Amino acid sequence: GAPGAMREYKVVVLGSGGVGKSALTVQFVTGSFIEKYDPTIEDFYRKEIEVDSSPSVLEILDTAGTEQFASMRDLYIKNGQGFILVYSLVNQQSFQDIRPMRDQIIRVKR
C-alpha cells in the first residue's frame, strides 16, 4: 500500500447464538465487558494494533449466530482473512456447531 498506510486485517467472529461472540469482541476492542445479551445481526469494529512492530488495523466482523443468517457466512468467509470460532464451555452443542463452520471456511478459502 501507500507509504505510511496501515495494514488492515479482516477478522470474522463466528459461532452459535448466545455463546459470547459480541461480549468477547467488545471486551477486546473497548476493554469493557457487556453483561446484557442483545442478539447481533452484524456489527463491525476497528481496532488499531501492532503486527510485527508495524501499526495495523484489525477490522472485526461480529456475526449473527442464528441459523437464518447462515447463508451470509459464505460472503463473510470470502472477505475474511482470519477467523475466530467461539463456543460456550457450558454448551456442548455450541462446540459441535463450530465444526461445520470450520469446514465451510476451508471449503470457501480453497
N, C-alpha and C. Protein backbone atom coordinates (compact mmCIF):
# COMPACT_ATOMS: atom_id res chain seq x y z
N GLY A 1 0.81 -1.21 0.00
CA GLY A 1 0.00 0.00 0.00
C GLY A 1 0.84 1.26 0.00
N ALA A 2 0.22 2.37 0.18
CA ALA A 2 0.90 3.66 0.19
C ALA A 2 1.82 3.75 1.40
N PRO A 3 2.94 4.50 1.27
CA PRO A 3 3.83 4.65 2.42
C PRO A 3 3.07 5.26 3.59
N GLY A 4 3.30 4.73 4.77
CA GLY A 4 2.63 5.25 5.95
C GLY A 4 1.22 4.71 6.14
N ALA A 5 0.69 4.01 5.12
CA ALA A 5 -0.66 3.45 5.26
C ALA A 5 -0.60 2.23 6.19
N MET A 6 -1.61 2.11 7.03
CA MET A 6 -1.63 0.98 7.95
C MET A 6 -2.15 -0.25 7.24
N ARG A 7 -1.55 -1.39 7.54
CA ARG A 7 -2.07 -2.65 7.01
C ARG A 7 -3.38 -2.94 7.70
N GLU A 8 -4.30 -3.52 6.95
CA GLU A 8 -5.60 -3.88 7.51
C GLU A 8 -5.79 -5.38 7.44
N TYR A 9 -6.29 -5.93 8.51
CA TYR A 9 -6.56 -7.36 8.58
C TYR A 9 -8.04 -7.54 8.89
N LYS A 10 -8.71 -8.34 8.08
CA LYS A 10 -10.15 -8.58 8.27
C LYS A 10 -10.35 -9.89 9.03
N VAL A 11 -10.95 -9.77 10.22
CA VAL A 11 -11.17 -10.92 11.09
C VAL A 11 -12.68 -11.12 11.25
N VAL A 12 -13.12 -12.37 11.14
CA VAL A 12 -14.54 -12.69 11.26
C VAL A 12 -14.75 -13.56 12.50
N VAL A 13 -15.71 -13.17 13.34
CA VAL A 13 -16.03 -13.92 14.56
C VAL A 13 -17.28 -14.74 14.28
N LEU A 14 -17.15 -16.07 14.40
CA LEU A 14 -18.24 -16.99 14.09
C LEU A 14 -18.55 -17.89 15.28
N GLY A 15 -19.79 -18.35 15.37
CA GLY A 15 -20.20 -19.28 16.42
C GLY A 15 -21.70 -19.25 16.57
N SER A 16 -22.23 -20.17 17.37
CA SER A 16 -23.69 -20.25 17.60
C SER A 16 -24.19 -18.99 18.30
N GLY A 17 -25.52 -18.84 18.33
CA GLY A 17 -26.12 -17.72 19.04
C GLY A 17 -25.95 -17.86 20.54
N GLY A 18 -25.65 -16.76 21.21
CA GLY A 18 -25.60 -16.75 22.67
C GLY A 18 -24.34 -17.29 23.30
N VAL A 19 -23.28 -17.54 22.51
CA VAL A 19 -22.06 -18.11 23.10
C VAL A 19 -21.09 -17.05 23.60
N GLY A 20 -21.34 -15.78 23.25
CA GLY A 20 -20.46 -14.72 23.75
C GLY A 20 -19.57 -14.06 22.71
N LYS A 21 -19.93 -14.20 21.43
CA LYS A 21 -19.11 -13.59 20.37
C LYS A 21 -19.00 -12.08 20.55
N SER A 22 -20.14 -11.43 20.79
CA SER A 22 -20.14 -9.97 20.94
C SER A 22 -19.44 -9.55 22.22
N ALA A 23 -19.69 -10.25 23.31
CA ALA A 23 -19.04 -9.91 24.59
C ALA A 23 -17.52 -9.99 24.44
N LEU A 24 -17.04 -11.05 23.79
CA LEU A 24 -15.61 -11.25 23.56
C LEU A 24 -15.04 -10.14 22.68
N THR A 25 -15.76 -9.84 21.60
CA THR A 25 -15.30 -8.83 20.65
C THR A 25 -15.26 -7.44 21.29
N VAL A 26 -16.35 -7.07 21.97
CA VAL A 26 -16.43 -5.74 22.59
C VAL A 26 -15.37 -5.61 23.69
N GLN A 27 -15.15 -6.68 24.46
CA GLN A 27 -14.14 -6.61 25.51
C GLN A 27 -12.75 -6.41 24.89
N PHE A 28 -12.48 -7.09 23.78
CA PHE A 28 -11.18 -6.93 23.12
C PHE A 28 -11.01 -5.52 22.57
N VAL A 29 -12.06 -4.99 21.93
CA VAL A 29 -11.96 -3.69 21.27
C VAL A 29 -11.98 -2.53 22.27
N THR A 30 -12.86 -2.59 23.27
CA THR A 30 -13.05 -1.44 24.18
C THR A 30 -12.52 -1.66 25.58
N GLY A 31 -12.30 -2.92 25.96
CA GLY A 31 -11.87 -3.21 27.32
C GLY A 31 -13.03 -3.35 28.29
N SER A 32 -14.27 -3.16 27.80
CA SER A 32 -15.44 -3.27 28.67
C SER A 32 -16.18 -4.58 28.41
N PHE A 33 -16.71 -5.16 29.48
CA PHE A 33 -17.50 -6.38 29.33
C PHE A 33 -18.97 -6.02 29.31
N ILE A 34 -19.70 -6.49 28.28
CA ILE A 34 -21.14 -6.21 28.23
C ILE A 34 -21.90 -7.35 28.88
N GLU A 35 -22.74 -7.01 29.85
CA GLU A 35 -23.49 -8.01 30.60
C GLU A 35 -24.74 -8.46 29.85
N LYS A 36 -25.43 -7.48 29.25
CA LYS A 36 -26.74 -7.82 28.67
C LYS A 36 -26.58 -8.53 27.32
N TYR A 37 -27.50 -9.44 27.05
CA TYR A 37 -27.46 -10.16 25.79
C TYR A 37 -28.43 -9.53 24.81
N ASP A 38 -27.90 -9.06 23.70
CA ASP A 38 -28.70 -8.44 22.66
C ASP A 38 -28.28 -9.10 21.35
N PRO A 39 -29.10 -10.02 20.81
CA PRO A 39 -28.66 -10.78 19.63
C PRO A 39 -28.20 -9.87 18.49
N THR A 40 -27.08 -10.24 17.92
CA THR A 40 -26.43 -9.46 16.87
C THR A 40 -26.92 -9.89 15.50
N ILE A 41 -27.11 -8.94 14.60
CA ILE A 41 -27.26 -9.30 13.19
C ILE A 41 -25.88 -9.21 12.57
N GLU A 42 -25.24 -8.07 12.75
CA GLU A 42 -23.88 -7.91 12.24
C GLU A 42 -23.33 -6.62 12.82
N ASP A 43 -22.17 -6.69 13.46
CA ASP A 43 -21.52 -5.50 13.99
C ASP A 43 -20.09 -5.46 13.47
N PHE A 44 -19.59 -4.26 13.28
CA PHE A 44 -18.29 -4.07 12.69
C PHE A 44 -17.45 -3.20 13.63
N TYR A 45 -16.25 -3.65 13.93
CA TYR A 45 -15.37 -2.90 14.84
C TYR A 45 -14.01 -2.71 14.18
N ARG A 46 -13.35 -1.62 14.56
CA ARG A 46 -11.97 -1.40 14.11
C ARG A 46 -11.11 -1.18 15.35
N LYS A 47 -9.95 -1.81 15.36
CA LYS A 47 -9.03 -1.61 16.48
C LYS A 47 -7.61 -1.50 15.93
N GLU A 48 -6.91 -0.46 16.38
CA GLU A 48 -5.51 -0.31 15.98
C GLU A 48 -4.65 -1.20 16.86
N ILE A 49 -3.81 -1.97 16.22
CA ILE A 49 -2.91 -2.88 16.93
C ILE A 49 -1.53 -2.79 16.29
N GLU A 50 -0.58 -3.54 16.83
CA GLU A 50 0.74 -3.60 16.23
C GLU A 50 0.99 -5.03 15.77
N VAL A 51 1.40 -5.20 14.52
CA VAL A 51 1.74 -6.52 13.98
C VAL A 51 3.17 -6.43 13.48
N ASP A 52 4.05 -7.25 14.02
CA ASP A 52 5.47 -7.21 13.66
C ASP A 52 6.02 -5.78 13.73
N SER A 53 5.72 -5.10 14.82
CA SER A 53 6.18 -3.72 15.07
C SER A 53 5.61 -2.68 14.11
N SER A 54 4.65 -3.06 13.27
CA SER A 54 4.03 -2.09 12.36
C SER A 54 2.62 -1.78 12.82
N PRO A 55 2.24 -0.49 12.85
CA PRO A 55 0.87 -0.16 13.21
C PRO A 55 -0.08 -0.75 12.17
N SER A 56 -1.11 -1.40 12.63
CA SER A 56 -2.06 -2.08 11.76
C SER A 56 -3.47 -1.87 12.29
N VAL A 57 -4.44 -2.17 11.45
CA VAL A 57 -5.84 -2.06 11.86
C VAL A 57 -6.50 -3.42 11.73
N LEU A 58 -7.15 -3.84 12.80
CA LEU A 58 -7.97 -5.05 12.74
C LEU A 58 -9.39 -4.60 12.44
N GLU A 59 -9.97 -5.14 11.39
CA GLU A 59 -11.38 -4.92 11.10
C GLU A 59 -12.08 -6.19 11.53
N ILE A 60 -12.91 -6.09 12.57
CA ILE A 60 -13.53 -7.28 13.16
C ILE A 60 -15.01 -7.29 12.84
N LEU A 61 -15.45 -8.37 12.20
CA LEU A 61 -16.87 -8.53 11.89
C LEU A 61 -17.46 -9.52 12.88
N ASP A 62 -18.36 -9.03 13.70
CA ASP A 62 -19.06 -9.85 14.70
C ASP A 62 -20.38 -10.28 14.05
N THR A 63 -20.52 -11.58 13.79
CA THR A 63 -21.65 -12.07 13.00
C THR A 63 -22.79 -12.60 13.86
N ALA A 64 -23.93 -12.80 13.23
CA ALA A 64 -25.10 -13.38 13.89
C ALA A 64 -24.87 -14.87 14.07
N GLY A 65 -25.26 -15.40 15.22
CA GLY A 65 -25.11 -16.83 15.44
C GLY A 65 -26.30 -17.62 14.94
N THR A 66 -27.40 -16.93 14.67
CA THR A 66 -28.63 -17.64 14.33
C THR A 66 -28.57 -18.23 12.93
N GLU A 67 -29.24 -19.35 12.78
CA GLU A 67 -29.20 -20.13 11.54
C GLU A 67 -29.75 -19.34 10.35
N GLN A 68 -30.68 -18.42 10.59
CA GLN A 68 -31.29 -17.70 9.47
C GLN A 68 -30.27 -16.84 8.71
N PHE A 69 -29.12 -16.58 9.34
CA PHE A 69 -28.10 -15.77 8.66
C PHE A 69 -26.95 -16.63 8.14
N ALA A 70 -27.11 -17.95 8.19
CA ALA A 70 -26.04 -18.86 7.77
C ALA A 70 -25.65 -18.64 6.31
N SER A 71 -26.60 -18.24 5.49
CA SER A 71 -26.33 -18.02 4.07
C SER A 71 -25.35 -16.86 3.85
N MET A 72 -25.31 -15.94 4.82
CA MET A 72 -24.39 -14.80 4.71
C MET A 72 -22.95 -15.25 4.97
N ARG A 73 -22.81 -16.41 5.62
CA ARG A 73 -21.50 -16.84 6.08
C ARG A 73 -20.48 -16.98 4.93
N ASP A 74 -20.93 -17.51 3.78
CA ASP A 74 -20.02 -17.65 2.63
C ASP A 74 -19.37 -16.32 2.27
N LEU A 75 -20.19 -15.27 2.27
CA LEU A 75 -19.70 -13.93 1.93
C LEU A 75 -18.70 -13.44 2.98
N TYR A 76 -19.05 -13.61 4.27
CA TYR A 76 -18.13 -13.21 5.35
C TYR A 76 -16.79 -13.92 5.18
N ILE A 77 -16.87 -15.23 4.92
CA ILE A 77 -15.66 -16.04 4.83
C ILE A 77 -14.83 -15.63 3.62
N LYS A 78 -15.50 -15.38 2.50
CA LYS A 78 -14.80 -14.97 1.28
C LYS A 78 -13.99 -13.70 1.55
N ASN A 79 -14.56 -12.76 2.30
CA ASN A 79 -13.90 -11.48 2.56
C ASN A 79 -12.94 -11.50 3.74
N GLY A 80 -13.07 -12.50 4.61
CA GLY A 80 -12.25 -12.54 5.81
C GLY A 80 -10.85 -13.07 5.56
N GLN A 81 -9.91 -12.65 6.42
CA GLN A 81 -8.54 -13.14 6.35
C GLN A 81 -8.19 -13.98 7.57
N GLY A 82 -8.90 -13.74 8.65
CA GLY A 82 -8.69 -14.51 9.88
C GLY A 82 -10.04 -14.82 10.48
N PHE A 83 -10.11 -15.90 11.23
CA PHE A 83 -11.39 -16.34 11.77
C PHE A 83 -11.25 -16.75 13.22
N ILE A 84 -12.22 -16.33 14.03
CA ILE A 84 -12.27 -16.73 15.43
C ILE A 84 -13.57 -17.51 15.61
N LEU A 85 -13.43 -18.78 15.96
CA LEU A 85 -14.61 -19.63 16.18
C LEU A 85 -14.86 -19.69 17.68
N VAL A 86 -16.05 -19.24 18.09
CA VAL A 86 -16.37 -19.11 19.50
C VAL A 86 -17.43 -20.13 19.89
N TYR A 87 -17.21 -20.79 21.05
CA TYR A 87 -18.23 -21.69 21.59
C TYR A 87 -18.29 -21.49 23.09
N SER A 88 -19.35 -22.01 23.70
CA SER A 88 -19.53 -21.87 25.14
C SER A 88 -19.07 -23.14 25.85
N LEU A 89 -18.30 -22.97 26.92
CA LEU A 89 -17.83 -24.13 27.68
C LEU A 89 -18.96 -24.89 28.35
N VAL A 90 -20.10 -24.22 28.56
CA VAL A 90 -21.22 -24.89 29.23
C VAL A 90 -22.28 -25.37 28.23
N ASN A 91 -21.96 -25.28 26.93
CA ASN A 91 -22.91 -25.71 25.90
C ASN A 91 -22.17 -26.58 24.88
N GLN A 92 -22.25 -27.90 25.11
CA GLN A 92 -21.55 -28.86 24.26
C GLN A 92 -21.98 -28.72 22.80
N GLN A 93 -23.26 -28.45 22.57
CA GLN A 93 -23.77 -28.32 21.20
C GLN A 93 -23.08 -27.17 20.46
N SER A 94 -22.77 -26.09 21.18
CA SER A 94 -22.13 -24.95 20.52
C SER A 94 -20.73 -25.32 20.02
N PHE A 95 -20.10 -26.30 20.69
CA PHE A 95 -18.80 -26.80 20.23
C PHE A 95 -18.99 -27.63 18.97
N GLN A 96 -20.05 -28.45 18.94
CA GLN A 96 -20.35 -29.24 17.74
C GLN A 96 -20.66 -28.31 16.56
N ASP A 97 -21.32 -27.19 16.85
CA ASP A 97 -21.75 -26.26 15.80
C ASP A 97 -20.59 -25.60 15.06
N ILE A 98 -19.42 -25.48 15.70
CA ILE A 98 -18.33 -24.78 15.01
C ILE A 98 -17.61 -25.67 13.99
N ARG A 99 -17.79 -26.99 14.08
CA ARG A 99 -17.12 -27.87 13.10
C ARG A 99 -17.58 -27.59 11.67
N PRO A 100 -18.92 -27.54 11.40
CA PRO A 100 -19.32 -27.22 10.02
C PRO A 100 -18.88 -25.81 9.59
N MET A 101 -18.76 -24.89 10.54
CA MET A 101 -18.28 -23.55 10.20
C MET A 101 -16.82 -23.62 9.77
N ARG A 102 -16.05 -24.41 10.50
CA ARG A 102 -14.64 -24.60 10.16
C ARG A 102 -14.52 -25.24 8.78
N ASP A 103 -15.35 -26.26 8.53
CA ASP A 103 -15.33 -26.92 7.22
C ASP A 103 -15.70 -25.95 6.11
N GLN A 104 -16.65 -25.07 6.40
CA GLN A 104 -17.08 -24.07 5.42
C GLN A 104 -15.94 -23.10 5.11
N ILE A 105 -15.20 -22.69 6.13
CA ILE A 105 -14.05 -21.80 5.92
C ILE A 105 -13.05 -22.47 4.99
N ILE A 106 -12.74 -23.73 5.27
CA ILE A 106 -11.78 -24.47 4.45
C ILE A 106 -12.28 -24.58 3.01
N ARG A 107 -13.58 -24.87 2.85
CA ARG A 107 -14.16 -25.03 1.51
C ARG A 107 -14.11 -23.70 0.73
N VAL A 108 -14.55 -22.62 1.38
CA VAL A 108 -14.62 -21.32 0.70
C VAL A 108 -13.23 -20.77 0.39
N LYS A 109 -12.28 -21.02 1.28
CA LYS A 109 -10.94 -20.44 1.13
C LYS A 109 -10.02 -21.25 0.21
N ARG A 110 -10.44 -22.43 -0.21
CA ARG A 110 -9.59 -23.27 -1.07
C ARG A 110 -9.22 -22.58 -2.34
